[in-house]
Amino acid sequence: MGKIIVRLDRVMADRKIGLNELSDQVGVSNVNLSKLKNGHISAIRFSTLIAICEALHCQPGDLLEFSEEN
């Protein structure tokens, strides 16, 4: 079974934005964004994904990547 890899840390680094600033812009707690950034989540609301994409001026595919496991 494949898995989804979260690339939020990479996009944040490219945009030079920190967790606190993104948290303020998106309206999601630092703790929840940190869990997302580190891949320790099993689901994400579309409204949260939309807010992150708006704040980072990116597409969902910039944040999420599918990887096939052998």
C-alpha atoms as a PDB file:
ATOM      1  CA  MET A   1       0.000   0.000   0.000  1.00  0.00           C
ATOM      2  CA  GLY A   2       1.257   3.472  -0.851  1.00  0.00           C
ATOM      3  CA  LYS A   3       1.550   6.451   1.443  1.00  0.00           C
ATOM      4  CA  ILE A   4       1.154  10.219   1.305  1.00  0.00           C
ATOM      5  CA  ILE A   5       4.234  12.296   2.099  1.00  0.00           C
ATOM      6  CA  VAL A   6       3.640  15.816   3.405  1.00  0.00           C
ATOM      7  CA  ARG A   7       6.036  18.418   1.977  1.00  0.00           C
ATOM      8  CA  LEU A   8       4.827  21.384   4.043  1.00  0.00           C
ATOM      9  CA  ASP A   9       8.288  21.936   5.535  1.00  0.00           C
ATOM     10  CA  ARG A  10       9.839  22.250   2.062  1.00  0.00           C
ATOM     11  CA  VAL A  11       7.204  24.710   0.837  1.00  0.00           C
ATOM     12  CA  MET A  12       7.504  26.770   4.011  1.00  0.00           C
ATOM     13  CA  ALA A  13      11.296  26.932   3.592  1.00  0.00           C
ATOM     14  CA  ASP A  14      10.924  27.958  -0.066  1.00  0.00           C
ATOM     15  CA  ARG A  15       8.536  30.751   0.961  1.00  0.00           C
ATOM     16  CA  LYS A  16      10.684  31.709   3.974  1.00  0.00           C
ATOM     17  CA  ILE A  17       7.752  31.508   6.361  1.00  0.00           C
ATOM     18  CA  GLY A  18       7.851  30.159   9.889  1.00  0.00           C
ATOM     19  CA  LEU A  19       5.367  27.999  11.728  1.00  0.00           C
ATOM     20  CA  ASN A  20       4.089  30.876  13.897  1.00  0.00           C
ATOM     21  CA  GLU A  21       3.453  33.148  10.924  1.00  0.00           C
ATOM     22  CA  LEU A  22       1.709  30.404   8.954  1.00  0.00           C
ATOM     23  CA  SER A  23      -0.369  29.501  12.002  1.00  0.00           C
ATOM     24  CA  ASP A  24      -1.548  33.107  12.309  1.00  0.00           C
ATOM     25  CA  GLN A  25      -2.410  33.343   8.611  1.00  0.00           C
ATOM     26  CA  VAL A  26      -4.196  29.987   8.427  1.00  0.00           C
ATOM     27  CA  GLY A  27      -5.951  30.038  11.804  1.00  0.00           C
ATOM     28  CA  VAL A  28      -4.643  26.600  12.820  1.00  0.00           C
ATOM     29  CA  SER A  29      -2.691  26.019  16.022  1.00  0.00           C
ATOM     30  CA  ASN A  30       1.080  25.624  15.967  1.00  0.00           C
ATOM     31  CA  VAL A  31       0.679  22.120  17.393  1.00  0.00           C
ATOM     32  CA  ASN A  32      -1.606  20.965  14.584  1.00  0.00           C
ATOM     33  CA  LEU A  33       0.564  22.558  11.889  1.00  0.00           C
ATOM     34  CA  SER A  34       3.629  20.941  13.428  1.00  0.00           C
ATOM     35  CA  LYS A  35       1.914  17.535  13.332  1.00  0.00           C
ATOM     36  CA  LEU A  36       1.013  18.124   9.697  1.00  0.00           C
ATOM     37  CA  LYS A  37       4.518  19.285   8.840  1.00  0.00           C
ATOM     38  CA  ASN A  38       6.035  16.181  10.424  1.00  0.00           C
ATOM     39  CA  GLY A  39       3.560  13.800   8.804  1.00  0.00           C
ATOM     40  CA  HIS A  40       1.937  12.753  12.079  1.00  0.00           C
ATOM     41  CA  ILE A  41      -1.645  13.073  10.857  1.00  0.00           C
ATOM     42  CA  SER A  42      -4.091  10.701   9.224  1.00  0.00           C
ATOM     43  CA  ALA A  43      -6.441  13.295   7.709  1.00  0.00           C
ATOM     44  CA  ILE A  44      -6.687  16.969   6.776  1.00  0.00           C
ATOM     45  CA  ARG A  45      -9.785  19.077   6.217  1.00  0.00           C
ATOM     46  CA  PHE A  46     -10.143  20.595   2.791  1.00  0.00           C
ATOM     47  CA  SER A  47     -10.766  23.974   4.447  1.00  0.00           C
ATOM     48  CA  THR A  48      -7.367  23.710   6.173  1.00  0.00           C
ATOM     49  CA  LEU A  49      -5.673  22.633   2.949  1.00  0.00           C
ATOM     50  CA  ILE A  50      -7.271  25.565   1.114  1.00  0.00           C
ATOM     51  CA  ALA A  51      -6.134  28.033   3.795  1.00  0.00           C
ATOM     52  CA  ILE A  52      -2.566  26.696   3.678  1.00  0.00           C
ATOM     53  CA  CYS A  53      -2.494  26.872  -0.129  1.00  0.00           C
ATOM     54  CA  GLU A  54      -3.795  30.453  -0.044  1.00  0.00           C
ATOM     55  CA  ALA A  55      -1.231  31.509   2.568  1.00  0.00           C
ATOM     56  CA  LEU A  56       1.683  29.844   0.757  1.00  0.00           C
ATOM     57  CA  HIS A  57       0.474  30.625  -2.791  1.00  0.00           C
ATOM     58  CA  CYS A  58       0.800  26.984  -3.809  1.00  0.00           C
ATOM     59  CA  GLN A  59      -1.174  24.027  -5.083  1.00  0.00           C
ATOM     60  CA  PRO A  60      -2.165  20.966  -3.003  1.00  0.00           C
ATOM     61  CA  GLY A  61       0.258  18.916  -5.113  1.00  0.00           C
ATOM     62  CA  ASP A  62       3.090  21.100  -3.831  1.00  0.00           C
ATOM     63  CA  LEU A  63       2.260  19.985  -0.287  1.00  0.00           C
ATOM     64  CA  LEU A  64       1.320  16.339  -0.795  1.00  0.00           C
ATOM     65  CA  GLU A  65       3.124  13.585  -2.639  1.00  0.00           C
ATOM     66  CA  PHE A  66       2.085   9.958  -3.227  1.00  0.00           C
ATOM     67  CA  SER A  67       4.738   7.294  -2.769  1.00  0.00           C
ATOM     68  CA  GLU A  68       4.315   3.649  -3.667  1.00  0.00           C
ATOM     69  CA  GLU A  69       5.736   1.247  -1.121  1.00  0.00           C
ATOM     70  CA  ASN A  70       7.373  -1.970  -2.262  1.00  0.00           C
END
